[in-house]
Amino acid sequence: MSDELKLFDAEYRFALIVWENEPIHSRKLAELCADALGWKRTTVYTVLRRLCERGILRNDDAIVTSIVKKSDVQVYESAAIVDRAFDGSLPSFITAFLKTKKLSPEEAAEIQAAINAYTED
């Protein structure tokens, strides 16, 4: 697992705005972040610069796009949670999750289909 995909909470919320609006002009991004996150323009540009330096985002001529996909970060984060909190045990994670949430029949079918698709024969 690559730690390059680790985003802190504020970085993730920022990246969500980019993913939902890309390509986006940096000025418009600053406006959206002011509304959604309460950030000043200088904070937006600082976080943008850091994520560009880390290869997560790209800022070409004030047009911001992602290099790393949201799904890639989600895969990394979910694996990190299972590794850190459940000693790598996916069954332990699922059991803990299901203690707090009941599944609808549709959700159960969707999860079962995913399990079937990724089960080794």
PDB file of N, CA and C in Angstrom:
ATOM      1  N   MET A   1       0.843  -1.181   0.000  1.00  0.00           N
ATOM      2  CA  MET A   1       0.000   0.000   0.000  1.00  0.00           C
ATOM      3  C   MET A   1       0.884   1.238   0.000  1.00  0.00           C
ATOM      4  N   SER A   2       0.557   2.173  -0.835  1.00  0.00           N
ATOM      5  CA  SER A   2       1.385   3.354  -0.998  1.00  0.00           C
ATOM      6  C   SER A   2       0.894   4.495  -0.121  1.00  0.00           C
ATOM      7  N   ASP A   3       1.777   4.972   0.775  1.00  0.00           N
ATOM      8  CA  ASP A   3       1.415   6.080   1.653  1.00  0.00           C
ATOM      9  C   ASP A   3       1.236   7.384   0.893  1.00  0.00           C
ATOM     10  N   GLU A   4       1.606   7.420  -0.378  1.00  0.00           N
ATOM     11  CA  GLU A   4       1.405   8.630  -1.177  1.00  0.00           C
ATOM     12  C   GLU A   4      -0.073   8.957  -1.327  1.00  0.00           C
ATOM     13  N   LEU A   5      -0.944   7.952  -1.169  1.00  0.00           N
ATOM     14  CA  LEU A   5      -2.376   8.161  -1.319  1.00  0.00           C
ATOM     15  C   LEU A   5      -3.059   8.566  -0.018  1.00  0.00           C
ATOM     16  N   LYS A   6      -2.318   8.640   1.063  1.00  0.00           N
ATOM     17  CA  LYS A   6      -2.900   9.031   2.343  1.00  0.00           C
ATOM     18  C   LYS A   6      -3.232  10.515   2.316  1.00  0.00           C
ATOM     19  N   LEU A   7      -4.497  10.804   2.589  1.00  0.00           N
ATOM     20  CA  LEU A   7      -4.938  12.184   2.686  1.00  0.00           C
ATOM     21  C   LEU A   7      -5.478  12.418   4.087  1.00  0.00           C
ATOM     22  N   PHE A   8      -5.074  13.512   4.689  1.00  0.00           N
ATOM     23  CA  PHE A   8      -5.646  13.897   5.965  1.00  0.00           C
ATOM     24  C   PHE A   8      -7.071  14.371   5.721  1.00  0.00           C
ATOM     25  N   ASP A   9      -7.879  14.437   6.763  1.00  0.00           N
ATOM     26  CA  ASP A   9      -9.294  14.745   6.629  1.00  0.00           C
ATOM     27  C   ASP A   9      -9.545  16.024   5.820  1.00  0.00           C
ATOM     28  N   ALA A  10      -8.860  17.092   6.152  1.00  0.00           N
ATOM     29  CA  ALA A  10      -9.057  18.361   5.440  1.00  0.00           C
ATOM     30  C   ALA A  10      -8.634  18.231   3.973  1.00  0.00           C
ATOM     31  N   GLU A  11      -7.550  17.510   3.712  1.00  0.00           N
ATOM     32  CA  GLU A  11      -7.105  17.296   2.336  1.00  0.00           C
ATOM     33  C   GLU A  11      -8.145  16.496   1.554  1.00  0.00           C
ATOM     34  N   TYR A  12      -8.723  15.497   2.206  1.00  0.00           N
ATOM     35  CA  TYR A  12      -9.735  14.670   1.545  1.00  0.00           C
ATOM     36  C   TYR A  12     -10.973  15.498   1.206  1.00  0.00           C
ATOM     37  N   ARG A  13     -11.439  16.317   2.144  1.00  0.00           N
ATOM     38  CA  ARG A  13     -12.605  17.168   1.882  1.00  0.00           C
ATOM     39  C   ARG A  13     -12.309  18.144   0.741  1.00  0.00           C
ATOM     40  N   PHE A  14     -11.091  18.648   0.699  1.00  0.00           N
ATOM     41  CA  PHE A  14     -10.664  19.532  -0.388  1.00  0.00           C
ATOM     42  C   PHE A  14     -10.656  18.774  -1.716  1.00  0.00           C
ATOM     43  N   ALA A  15     -10.059  17.587  -1.711  1.00  0.00           N
ATOM     44  CA  ALA A  15      -9.984  16.784  -2.931  1.00  0.00           C
ATOM     45  C   ALA A  15     -11.381  16.405  -3.429  1.00  0.00           C
ATOM     46  N   LEU A  16     -12.322  16.162  -2.519  1.00  0.00           N
ATOM     47  CA  LEU A  16     -13.694  15.864  -2.924  1.00  0.00           C
ATOM     48  C   LEU A  16     -14.279  16.993  -3.769  1.00  0.00           C
ATOM     49  N   ILE A  17     -13.994  18.223  -3.358  1.00  0.00           N
ATOM     50  CA  ILE A  17     -14.487  19.371  -4.121  1.00  0.00           C
ATOM     51  C   ILE A  17     -13.879  19.380  -5.515  1.00  0.00           C
ATOM     52  N   VAL A  18     -12.594  19.070  -5.598  1.00  0.00           N
ATOM     53  CA  VAL A  18     -11.943  19.006  -6.918  1.00  0.00           C
ATOM     54  C   VAL A  18     -12.564  17.886  -7.738  1.00  0.00           C
ATOM     55  N   TRP A  19     -12.661  16.680  -7.174  1.00  0.00           N
ATOM     56  CA  TRP A  19     -13.208  15.546  -7.919  1.00  0.00           C
ATOM     57  C   TRP A  19     -14.621  15.817  -8.422  1.00  0.00           C
ATOM     58  N   GLU A  20     -15.414  16.512  -7.625  1.00  0.00           N
ATOM     59  CA  GLU A  20     -16.805  16.779  -8.014  1.00  0.00           C
ATOM     60  C   GLU A  20     -16.925  17.884  -9.061  1.00  0.00           C
ATOM     61  N   ASN A  21     -15.889  18.706  -9.236  1.00  0.00           N
ATOM     62  CA  ASN A  21     -16.008  19.877 -10.096  1.00  0.00           C
ATOM     63  C   ASN A  21     -14.948  19.976 -11.192  1.00  0.00           C
ATOM     64  N   GLU A  22     -14.042  19.013 -11.264  1.00  0.00           N
ATOM     65  CA  GLU A  22     -12.937  19.152 -12.217  1.00  0.00           C
ATOM     66  C   GLU A  22     -13.388  19.015 -13.657  1.00  0.00           C
ATOM     67  N   PRO A  23     -12.681  19.646 -14.563  1.00  0.00           N
ATOM     68  CA  PRO A  23     -11.622  20.630 -14.338  1.00  0.00           C
ATOM     69  C   PRO A  23     -12.233  21.923 -13.777  1.00  0.00           C
ATOM     70  N   ILE A  24     -11.497  22.547 -12.890  1.00  0.00           N
ATOM     71  CA  ILE A  24     -12.013  23.735 -12.224  1.00  0.00           C
ATOM     72  C   ILE A  24     -10.925  24.800 -12.148  1.00  0.00           C
ATOM     73  N   HIS A  25     -11.310  26.024 -12.386  1.00  0.00           N
ATOM     74  CA  HIS A  25     -10.369  27.144 -12.269  1.00  0.00           C
ATOM     75  C   HIS A  25     -10.055  27.342 -10.789  1.00  0.00           C
ATOM     76  N   SER A  26      -8.811  27.638 -10.481  1.00  0.00           N
ATOM     77  CA  SER A  26      -8.398  27.771  -9.078  1.00  0.00           C
ATOM     78  C   SER A  26      -9.175  28.871  -8.353  1.00  0.00           C
ATOM     79  N   ARG A  27      -9.571  29.907  -9.063  1.00  0.00           N
ATOM     80  CA  ARG A  27     -10.363  30.976  -8.435  1.00  0.00           C
ATOM     81  C   ARG A  27     -11.725  30.436  -7.994  1.00  0.00           C
ATOM     82  N   LYS A  28     -12.361  29.646  -8.871  1.00  0.00           N
ATOM     83  CA  LYS A  28     -13.652  29.038  -8.547  1.00  0.00           C
ATOM     84  C   LYS A  28     -13.489  28.027  -7.420  1.00  0.00           C
ATOM     85  N   LEU A  29     -12.390  27.287  -7.418  1.00  0.00           N
ATOM     86  CA  LEU A  29     -12.104  26.336  -6.349  1.00  0.00           C
ATOM     87  C   LEU A  29     -12.005  27.060  -5.010  1.00  0.00           C
ATOM     88  N   ALA A  30     -11.351  28.197  -5.000  1.00  0.00           N
ATOM     89  CA  ALA A  30     -11.233  28.987  -3.766  1.00  0.00           C
ATOM     90  C   ALA A  30     -12.606  29.434  -3.280  1.00  0.00           C
ATOM     91  N   GLU A  31     -13.479  29.808  -4.202  1.00  0.00           N
ATOM     92  CA  GLU A  31     -14.839  30.212  -3.829  1.00  0.00           C
ATOM     93  C   GLU A  31     -15.615  29.043  -3.233  1.00  0.00           C
ATOM     94  N   LEU A  32     -15.525  27.884  -3.870  1.00  0.00           N
ATOM     95  CA  LEU A  32     -16.226  26.702  -3.370  1.00  0.00           C
ATOM     96  C   LEU A  32     -15.716  26.289  -1.996  1.00  0.00           C
ATOM     97  N   CYS A  33     -14.402  26.368  -1.800  1.00  0.00           N
ATOM     98  CA  CYS A  33     -13.812  26.002  -0.507  1.00  0.00           C
ATOM     99  C   CYS A  33     -14.188  27.006   0.579  1.00  0.00           C
ATOM    100  N   ALA A  34     -14.323  28.265   0.212  1.00  0.00           N
ATOM    101  CA  ALA A  34     -14.773  29.268   1.186  1.00  0.00           C
ATOM    102  C   ALA A  34     -16.177  28.922   1.659  1.00  0.00           C
ATOM    103  N   ASP A  35     -17.054  28.555   0.722  1.00  0.00           N
ATOM    104  CA  ASP A  35     -18.436  28.207   1.069  1.00  0.00           C
ATOM    105  C   ASP A  35     -18.527  26.888   1.832  1.00  0.00           C
ATOM    106  N   ALA A  36     -17.862  25.850   1.324  1.00  0.00           N
ATOM    107  CA  ALA A  36     -18.010  24.508   1.883  1.00  0.00           C
ATOM    108  C   ALA A  36     -17.163  24.257   3.123  1.00  0.00           C
ATOM    109  N   LEU A  37     -15.968  24.839   3.160  1.00  0.00           N
ATOM    110  CA  LEU A  37     -15.024  24.535   4.227  1.00  0.00           C
ATOM    111  C   LEU A  37     -14.715  25.729   5.128  1.00  0.00           C
ATOM    112  N   GLY A  38     -15.122  26.921   4.702  1.00  0.00           N
ATOM    113  CA  GLY A  38     -14.825  28.128   5.469  1.00  0.00           C
ATOM    114  C   GLY A  38     -13.374  28.559   5.356  1.00  0.00           C
ATOM    115  N   TRP A  39     -12.709  28.144   4.274  1.00  0.00           N
ATOM    116  CA  TRP A  39     -11.283  28.428   4.101  1.00  0.00           C
ATOM    117  C   TRP A  39     -11.070  29.764   3.408  1.00  0.00           C
ATOM    118  N   LYS A  40      -9.974  30.407   3.769  1.00  0.00           N
ATOM    119  CA  LYS A  40      -9.518  31.599   3.054  1.00  0.00           C
ATOM    120  C   LYS A  40      -8.761  31.157   1.804  1.00  0.00           C
ATOM    121  N   ARG A  41      -8.654  32.072   0.860  1.00  0.00           N
ATOM    122  CA  ARG A  41      -7.972  31.766  -0.405  1.00  0.00           C
ATOM    123  C   ARG A  41      -6.545  31.283  -0.167  1.00  0.00           C
ATOM    124  N   THR A  42      -5.838  31.877   0.793  1.00  0.00           N
ATOM    125  CA  THR A  42      -4.454  31.454   1.051  1.00  0.00           C
ATOM    126  C   THR A  42      -4.393  30.006   1.519  1.00  0.00           C
ATOM    127  N   THR A  43      -5.365  29.573   2.311  1.00  0.00           N
ATOM    128  CA  THR A  43      -5.409  28.174   2.762  1.00  0.00           C
ATOM    129  C   THR A  43      -5.647  27.255   1.574  1.00  0.00           C
ATOM    130  N   VAL A  44      -6.566  27.633   0.714  1.00  0.00           N
ATOM    131  CA  VAL A  44      -6.863  26.828  -0.479  1.00  0.00           C
ATOM    132  C   VAL A  44      -5.602  26.648  -1.317  1.00  0.00           C
ATOM    133  N   TYR A  45      -4.897  27.739  -1.567  1.00  0.00           N
ATOM    134  CA  TYR A  45      -3.710  27.655  -2.417  1.00  0.00           C
ATOM    135  C   TYR A  45      -2.576  26.884  -1.747  1.00  0.00           C
ATOM    136  N   THR A  46      -2.488  26.952  -0.426  1.00  0.00           N
ATOM    137  CA  THR A  46      -1.466  26.178   0.288  1.00  0.00           C
ATOM    138  C   THR A  46      -1.749  24.684   0.169  1.00  0.00           C
ATOM    139  N   VAL A  47      -2.987  24.287   0.410  1.00  0.00           N
ATOM    140  CA  VAL A  47      -3.344  22.866   0.316  1.00  0.00           C
ATOM    141  C   VAL A  47      -3.230  22.396  -1.136  1.00  0.00           C
ATOM    142  N   LEU A  48      -3.653  23.225  -2.079  1.00  0.00           N
ATOM    143  CA  LEU A  48      -3.521  22.878  -3.492  1.00  0.00           C
ATOM    144  C   LEU A  48      -2.066  22.645  -3.860  1.00  0.00           C
ATOM    145  N   ARG A  49      -1.195  23.541  -3.439  1.00  0.00           N
ATOM    146  CA  ARG A  49       0.234  23.402  -3.741  1.00  0.00           C
ATOM    147  C   ARG A  49       0.781  22.097  -3.169  1.00  0.00           C
ATOM    148  N   ARG A  50       0.422  21.796  -1.929  1.00  0.00           N
ATOM    149  CA  ARG A  50       0.914  20.557  -1.295  1.00  0.00           C
ATOM    150  C   ARG A  50       0.433  19.308  -2.030  1.00  0.00           C
ATOM    151  N   LEU A  51      -0.837  19.297  -2.402  1.00  0.00           N
ATOM    152  CA  LEU A  51      -1.357  18.121  -3.101  1.00  0.00           C
ATOM    153  C   LEU A  51      -0.790  18.007  -4.515  1.00  0.00           C
ATOM    154  N   CYS A  52      -0.460  19.114  -5.120  1.00  0.00           N
ATOM    155  CA  CYS A  52       0.216  19.073  -6.425  1.00  0.00           C
ATOM    156  C   CYS A  52       1.636  18.533  -6.262  1.00  0.00           C
ATOM    157  N   GLU A  53       2.336  18.992  -5.234  1.00  0.00           N
ATOM    158  CA  GLU A  53       3.701  18.512  -4.978  1.00  0.00           C
ATOM    159  C   GLU A  53       3.721  17.013  -4.700  1.00  0.00           C
ATOM    160  N   ARG A  54       2.668  16.503  -4.093  1.00  0.00           N
ATOM    161  CA  ARG A  54       2.580  15.070  -3.776  1.00  0.00           C
ATOM    162  C   ARG A  54       2.045  14.243  -4.937  1.00  0.00           C
ATOM    163  N   GLY A  55       1.681  14.892  -6.048  1.00  0.00           N
ATOM    164  CA  GLY A  55       1.217  14.157  -7.215  1.00  0.00           C
ATOM    165  C   GLY A  55      -0.232  13.710  -7.131  1.00  0.00           C
ATOM    166  N   ILE A  56      -1.029  14.333  -6.271  1.00  0.00           N
ATOM    167  CA  ILE A  56      -2.447  13.993  -6.148  1.00  0.00           C
ATOM    168  C   ILE A  56      -3.268  14.827  -7.135  1.00  0.00           C
ATOM    169  N   LEU A  57      -2.924  16.121  -7.224  1.00  0.00           N
ATOM    170  CA  LEU A  57      -3.626  17.053  -8.106  1.00  0.00           C
ATOM    171  C   LEU A  57      -2.642  17.698  -9.069  1.00  0.00           C
ATOM    172  N   ARG A  58      -3.194  18.350 -10.077  1.00  0.00           N
ATOM    173  CA  ARG A  58      -2.402  19.092 -11.049  1.00  0.00           C
ATOM    174  C   ARG A  58      -3.037  20.480 -11.191  1.00  0.00           C
ATOM    175  N   ASN A  59      -2.178  21.504 -11.297  1.00  0.00           N
ATOM    176  CA  ASN A  59      -2.650  22.872 -11.498  1.00  0.00           C
ATOM    177  C   ASN A  59      -1.890  23.455 -12.685  1.00  0.00           C
ATOM    178  N   ASP A  60      -2.507  23.389 -13.855  1.00  0.00           N
ATOM    179  CA  ASP A  60      -1.891  23.911 -15.079  1.00  0.00           C
ATOM    180  C   ASP A  60      -2.630  25.174 -15.502  1.00  0.00           C
ATOM    181  N   ASP A  61      -1.913  26.286 -15.486  1.00  0.00           N
ATOM    182  CA  ASP A  61      -2.501  27.576 -15.888  1.00  0.00           C
ATOM    183  C   ASP A  61      -3.800  27.861 -15.148  1.00  0.00           C
ATOM    184  N   ALA A  62      -3.797  27.593 -13.833  1.00  0.00           N
ATOM    185  CA  ALA A  62      -4.916  27.859 -12.930  1.00  0.00           C
ATOM    186  C   ALA A  62      -6.103  26.924 -13.146  1.00  0.00           C
ATOM    187  N   ILE A  63      -5.934  25.873 -13.929  1.00  0.00           N
ATOM    188  CA  ILE A  63      -6.980  24.858 -14.093  1.00  0.00           C
ATOM    189  C   ILE A  63      -6.553  23.631 -13.290  1.00  0.00           C
ATOM    190  N   VAL A  64      -7.380  23.291 -12.306  1.00  0.00           N
ATOM    191  CA  VAL A  64      -7.058  22.211 -11.377  1.00  0.00           C
ATOM    192  C   VAL A  64      -7.779  20.939 -11.804  1.00  0.00           C
ATOM    193  N   THR A  65      -7.015  19.852 -11.885  1.00  0.00           N
ATOM    194  CA  THR A  65      -7.545  18.527 -12.177  1.00  0.00           C
ATOM    195  C   THR A  65      -6.872  17.525 -11.250  1.00  0.00           C
ATOM    196  N   SER A  66      -7.443  16.343 -11.188  1.00  0.00           N
ATOM    197  CA  SER A  66      -6.849  15.307 -10.344  1.00  0.00           C
ATOM    198  C   SER A  66      -5.922  14.426 -11.163  1.00  0.00           C
ATOM    199  N   ILE A  67      -4.892  13.962 -10.511  1.00  0.00           N
ATOM    200  CA  ILE A  67      -4.012  12.944 -11.079  1.00  0.00           C
ATOM    201  C   ILE A  67      -4.433  11.587 -10.514  1.00  0.00           C
ATOM    202  N   VAL A  68      -4.740  11.589  -9.224  1.00  0.00           N
ATOM    203  CA  VAL A  68      -5.169  10.384  -8.518  1.00  0.00           C
ATOM    204  C   VAL A  68      -6.695  10.384  -8.456  1.00  0.00           C
ATOM    205  N   LYS A  69      -7.293   9.243  -8.755  1.00  0.00           N
ATOM    206  CA  LYS A  69      -8.749   9.122  -8.737  1.00  0.00           C
ATOM    207  C   LYS A  69      -9.265   8.951  -7.307  1.00  0.00           C
ATOM    208  N   LYS A  70     -10.476   9.413  -7.108  1.00  0.00           N
ATOM    209  CA  LYS A  70     -11.144   9.265  -5.821  1.00  0.00           C
ATOM    210  C   LYS A  70     -11.189   7.789  -5.414  1.00  0.00           C
ATOM    211  N   SER A  71     -11.497   6.911  -6.340  1.00  0.00           N
ATOM    212  CA  SER A  71     -11.599   5.481  -6.035  1.00  0.00           C
ATOM    213  C   SER A  71     -10.265   4.918  -5.554  1.00  0.00           C
ATOM    214  N   ASP A  72      -9.142   5.419  -6.075  1.00  0.00           N
ATOM    215  CA  ASP A  72      -7.827   4.947  -5.625  1.00  0.00           C
ATOM    216  C   ASP A  72      -7.578   5.334  -4.170  1.00  0.00           C
ATOM    217  N   VAL A  73      -7.974   6.544  -3.809  1.00  0.00           N
ATOM    218  CA  VAL A  73      -7.811   6.992  -2.419  1.00  0.00           C
ATOM    219  C   VAL A  73      -8.737   6.187  -1.512  1.00  0.00           C
ATOM    220  N   GLN A  74      -9.954   5.919  -1.958  1.00  0.00           N
ATOM    221  CA  GLN A  74     -10.889   5.136  -1.152  1.00  0.00           C
ATOM    222  C   GLN A  74     -10.380   3.714  -0.918  1.00  0.00           C
ATOM    223  N   VAL A  75      -9.801   3.107  -1.942  1.00  0.00           N
ATOM    224  CA  VAL A  75      -9.233   1.767  -1.785  1.00  0.00           C
ATOM    225  C   VAL A  75      -8.112   1.797  -0.756  1.00  0.00           C
ATOM    226  N   TYR A  76      -7.223   2.785  -0.868  1.00  0.00           N
ATOM    227  CA  TYR A  76      -6.121   2.918   0.083  1.00  0.00           C
ATOM    228  C   TYR A  76      -6.654   3.111   1.503  1.00  0.00           C
ATOM    229  N   GLU A  77      -7.582   4.042   1.678  1.00  0.00           N
ATOM    230  CA  GLU A  77      -8.100   4.357   3.008  1.00  0.00           C
ATOM    231  C   GLU A  77      -8.827   3.173   3.629  1.00  0.00           C
ATOM    232  N   SER A  78      -9.633   2.473   2.847  1.00  0.00           N
ATOM    233  CA  SER A  78     -10.358   1.330   3.400  1.00  0.00           C
ATOM    234  C   SER A  78      -9.397   0.218   3.826  1.00  0.00           C
ATOM    235  N   ALA A  79      -8.370  -0.035   3.022  1.00  0.00           N
ATOM    236  CA  ALA A  79      -7.379  -1.051   3.393  1.00  0.00           C
ATOM    237  C   ALA A  79      -6.604  -0.623   4.636  1.00  0.00           C
ATOM    238  N   ALA A  80      -6.299   0.667   4.743  1.00  0.00           N
ATOM    239  CA  ALA A  80      -5.566   1.168   5.911  1.00  0.00           C
ATOM    240  C   ALA A  80      -6.388   1.003   7.181  1.00  0.00           C
ATOM    241  N   ILE A  81      -7.689   1.242   7.108  1.00  0.00           N
ATOM    242  CA  ILE A  81      -8.560   1.071   8.279  1.00  0.00           C
ATOM    243  C   ILE A  81      -8.598  -0.385   8.701  1.00  0.00           C
ATOM    244  N   VAL A  82      -8.771  -1.278   7.735  1.00  0.00           N
ATOM    245  CA  VAL A  82      -8.812  -2.714   8.056  1.00  0.00           C
ATOM    246  C   VAL A  82      -7.479  -3.147   8.660  1.00  0.00           C
ATOM    247  N   ASP A  83      -6.378  -2.699   8.089  1.00  0.00           N
ATOM    248  CA  ASP A  83      -5.055  -3.062   8.610  1.00  0.00           C
ATOM    249  C   ASP A  83      -4.834  -2.523  10.020  1.00  0.00           C
ATOM    250  N   ARG A  84      -5.141  -1.239  10.222  1.00  0.00           N
ATOM    251  CA  ARG A  84      -4.842  -0.575  11.482  1.00  0.00           C
ATOM    252  C   ARG A  84      -5.798  -1.005  12.607  1.00  0.00           C
ATOM    253  N   ALA A  85      -7.077  -1.006  12.338  1.00  0.00           N
ATOM    254  CA  ALA A  85      -8.054  -1.217  13.399  1.00  0.00           C
ATOM    255  C   ALA A  85      -8.469  -2.675  13.581  1.00  0.00           C
ATOM    256  N   PHE A  86      -8.251  -3.502  12.560  1.00  0.00           N
ATOM    257  CA  PHE A  86      -8.731  -4.877  12.621  1.00  0.00           C
ATOM    258  C   PHE A  86      -7.646  -5.897  12.300  1.00  0.00           C
ATOM    259  N   ASP A  87      -6.395  -5.485  12.458  1.00  0.00           N
ATOM    260  CA  ASP A  87      -5.251  -6.363  12.197  1.00  0.00           C
ATOM    261  C   ASP A  87      -5.344  -7.047  10.839  1.00  0.00           C
ATOM    262  N   GLY A  88      -5.884  -6.344   9.852  1.00  0.00           N
ATOM    263  CA  GLY A  88      -5.952  -6.875   8.499  1.00  0.00           C
ATOM    264  C   GLY A  88      -7.087  -7.850   8.252  1.00  0.00           C
ATOM    265  N   SER A  89      -7.959  -8.043   9.243  1.00  0.00           N
ATOM    266  CA  SER A  89      -9.035  -9.024   9.105  1.00  0.00           C
ATOM    267  C   SER A  89     -10.301  -8.378   8.541  1.00  0.00           C
ATOM    268  N   LEU A  90     -10.592  -8.681   7.291  1.00  0.00           N
ATOM    269  CA  LEU A  90     -11.804  -8.164   6.671  1.00  0.00           C
ATOM    270  C   LEU A  90     -13.061  -8.709   7.349  1.00  0.00           C
ATOM    271  N   PRO A  91     -13.123 -10.008   7.709  1.00  0.00           N
ATOM    272  CA  PRO A  91     -14.306 -10.487   8.425  1.00  0.00           C
ATOM    273  C   PRO A  91     -14.544  -9.741   9.749  1.00  0.00           C
ATOM    274  N   SER A  92     -13.476  -9.415  10.472  1.00  0.00           N
ATOM    275  CA  SER A  92     -13.642  -8.661  11.723  1.00  0.00           C
ATOM    276  C   SER A  92     -14.196  -7.267  11.451  1.00  0.00           C
ATOM    277  N   PHE A  93     -13.712  -6.633  10.384  1.00  0.00           N
ATOM    278  CA  PHE A  93     -14.225  -5.312  10.012  1.00  0.00           C
ATOM    279  C   PHE A  93     -15.704  -5.394   9.670  1.00  0.00           C
ATOM    280  N   ILE A  94     -16.084  -6.352   8.855  1.00  0.00           N
ATOM    281  CA  ILE A  94     -17.481  -6.471   8.431  1.00  0.00           C
ATOM    282  C   ILE A  94     -18.382  -6.766   9.621  1.00  0.00           C
ATOM    283  N   THR A  95     -17.938  -7.630  10.516  1.00  0.00           N
ATOM    284  CA  THR A  95     -18.716  -7.942  11.714  1.00  0.00           C
ATOM    285  C   THR A  95     -18.925  -6.696  12.565  1.00  0.00           C
ATOM    286  N   ALA A  96     -17.863  -5.926  12.766  1.00  0.00           N
ATOM    287  CA  ALA A  96     -17.976  -4.694  13.551  1.00  0.00           C
ATOM    288  C   ALA A  96     -18.916  -3.708  12.874  1.00  0.00           C
ATOM    289  N   PHE A  97     -18.805  -3.571  11.574  1.00  0.00           N
ATOM    290  CA  PHE A  97     -19.665  -2.650  10.830  1.00  0.00           C
ATOM    291  C   PHE A  97     -21.128  -3.048  10.953  1.00  0.00           C
ATOM    292  N   LEU A  98     -21.411  -4.340  10.814  1.00  0.00           N
ATOM    293  CA  LEU A  98     -22.801  -4.805  10.832  1.00  0.00           C
ATOM    294  C   LEU A  98     -23.432  -4.733  12.217  1.00  0.00           C
ATOM    295  N   LYS A  99     -22.625  -4.579  13.254  1.00  0.00           N
ATOM    296  CA  LYS A  99     -23.185  -4.405  14.603  1.00  0.00           C
ATOM    297  C   LYS A  99     -23.865  -3.048  14.753  1.00  0.00           C
ATOM    298  N   THR A 100     -23.525  -2.103  13.871  1.00  0.00           N
ATOM    299  CA  THR A 100     -24.079  -0.755  13.993  1.00  0.00           C
ATOM    300  C   THR A 100     -25.050  -0.409  12.868  1.00  0.00           C
ATOM    301  N   LYS A 101     -25.161  -1.266  11.864  1.00  0.00           N
ATOM    302  CA  LYS A 101     -26.005  -0.934  10.715  1.00  0.00           C
ATOM    303  C   LYS A 101     -26.631  -2.201  10.147  1.00  0.00           C
ATOM    304  N   LYS A 102     -27.931  -2.154   9.960  1.00  0.00           N
ATOM    305  CA  LYS A 102     -28.630  -3.259   9.302  1.00  0.00           C
ATOM    306  C   LYS A 102     -28.615  -3.003   7.797  1.00  0.00           C
ATOM    307  N   LEU A 103     -28.473  -4.076   7.040  1.00  0.00           N
ATOM    308  CA  LEU A 103     -28.459  -3.971   5.587  1.00  0.00           C
ATOM    309  C   LEU A 103     -29.852  -4.179   5.021  1.00  0.00           C
ATOM    310  N   SER A 104     -30.152  -3.417   3.982  1.00  0.00           N
ATOM    311  CA  SER A 104     -31.382  -3.677   3.238  1.00  0.00           C
ATOM    312  C   SER A 104     -31.133  -4.914   2.374  1.00  0.00           C
ATOM    313  N   PRO A 105     -32.181  -5.565   1.914  1.00  0.00           N
ATOM    314  CA  PRO A 105     -31.978  -6.711   1.018  1.00  0.00           C
ATOM    315  C   PRO A 105     -31.166  -6.335  -0.233  1.00  0.00           C
ATOM    316  N   GLU A 106     -31.367  -5.109  -0.722  1.00  0.00           N
ATOM    317  CA  GLU A 106     -30.620  -4.663  -1.900  1.00  0.00           C
ATOM    318  C   GLU A 106     -29.135  -4.513  -1.590  1.00  0.00           C
ATOM    319  N   GLU A 107     -28.835  -3.940  -0.426  1.00  0.00           N
ATOM    320  CA  GLU A 107     -27.433  -3.781  -0.026  1.00  0.00           C
ATOM    321  C   GLU A 107     -26.779  -5.140   0.175  1.00  0.00           C
ATOM    322  N   ALA A 108     -27.500  -6.069   0.812  1.00  0.00           N
ATOM    323  CA  ALA A 108     -26.962  -7.416   1.043  1.00  0.00           C
ATOM    324  C   ALA A 108     -26.677  -8.108  -0.291  1.00  0.00           C
ATOM    325  N   ALA A 109     -27.587  -7.955  -1.257  1.00  0.00           N
ATOM    326  CA  ALA A 109     -27.381  -8.570  -2.573  1.00  0.00           C
ATOM    327  C   ALA A 109     -26.188  -7.949  -3.283  1.00  0.00           C
ATOM    328  N   GLU A 110     -26.032  -6.630  -3.169  1.00  0.00           N
ATOM    329  CA  GLU A 110     -24.902  -5.951  -3.802  1.00  0.00           C
ATOM    330  C   GLU A 110     -23.574  -6.405  -3.192  1.00  0.00           C
ATOM    331  N   ILE A 111     -23.548  -6.527  -1.880  1.00  0.00           N
ATOM    332  CA  ILE A 111     -22.327  -6.990  -1.199  1.00  0.00           C
ATOM    333  C   ILE A 111     -22.036  -8.441  -1.564  1.00  0.00           C
ATOM    334  N   GLN A 112     -23.080  -9.281  -1.603  1.00  0.00           N
ATOM    335  CA  GLN A 112     -22.882 -10.684  -1.972  1.00  0.00           C
ATOM    336  C   GLN A 112     -22.341 -10.802  -3.387  1.00  0.00           C
ATOM    337  N   ALA A 113     -22.836  -9.963  -4.299  1.00  0.00           N
ATOM    338  CA  ALA A 113     -22.333  -9.987  -5.677  1.00  0.00           C
ATOM    339  C   ALA A 113     -20.871  -9.576  -5.717  1.00  0.00           C
ATOM    340  N   ALA A 114     -20.495  -8.593  -4.920  1.00  0.00           N
ATOM    341  CA  ALA A 114     -19.080  -8.161  -4.879  1.00  0.00           C
ATOM    342  C   ALA A 114     -18.214  -9.273  -4.307  1.00  0.00           C
ATOM    343  N   ILE A 115     -18.683  -9.939  -3.267  1.00  0.00           N
ATOM    344  CA  ILE A 115     -17.923 -11.056  -2.678  1.00  0.00           C
ATOM    345  C   ILE A 115     -17.747 -12.150  -3.727  1.00  0.00           C
ATOM    346  N   ASN A 116     -18.818 -12.481  -4.417  1.00  0.00           N
ATOM    347  CA  ASN A 116     -18.729 -13.519  -5.452  1.00  0.00           C
ATOM    348  C   ASN A 116     -17.759 -13.151  -6.553  1.00  0.00           C
ATOM    349  N   ALA A 117     -17.734 -11.885  -6.924  1.00  0.00           N
ATOM    350  CA  ALA A 117     -16.846 -11.433  -8.009  1.00  0.00           C
ATOM    351  C   ALA A 117     -15.372 -11.487  -7.606  1.00  0.00           C
ATOM    352  N   TYR A 118     -15.093 -11.336  -6.326  1.00  0.00           N
ATOM    353  CA  TYR A 118     -13.708 -11.278  -5.870  1.00  0.00           C
ATOM    354  C   TYR A 118     -13.259 -12.528  -5.110  1.00  0.00           C
ATOM    355  N   THR A 119     -14.071 -13.565  -5.099  1.00  0.00           N
ATOM    356  CA  THR A 119     -13.714 -14.800  -4.418  1.00  0.00           C
ATOM    357  C   THR A 119     -12.886 -15.673  -5.338  1.00  0.00           C
ATOM    358  N   GLU A 120     -11.803 -16.195  -4.776  1.00  0.00           N
ATOM    359  CA  GLU A 120     -10.953 -17.111  -5.546  1.00  0.00           C
ATOM    360  C   GLU A 120     -11.656 -18.447  -5.678  1.00  0.00           C
ATOM    361  N   ASP A 121     -11.532 -19.043  -6.855  1.00  0.00           N
ATOM    362  CA  ASP A 121     -12.131 -20.377  -7.069  1.00  0.00           C
ATOM    363  C   ASP A 121     -11.207 -21.465  -6.611  1.00  0.00           C
TER     364      ASP A 121
END
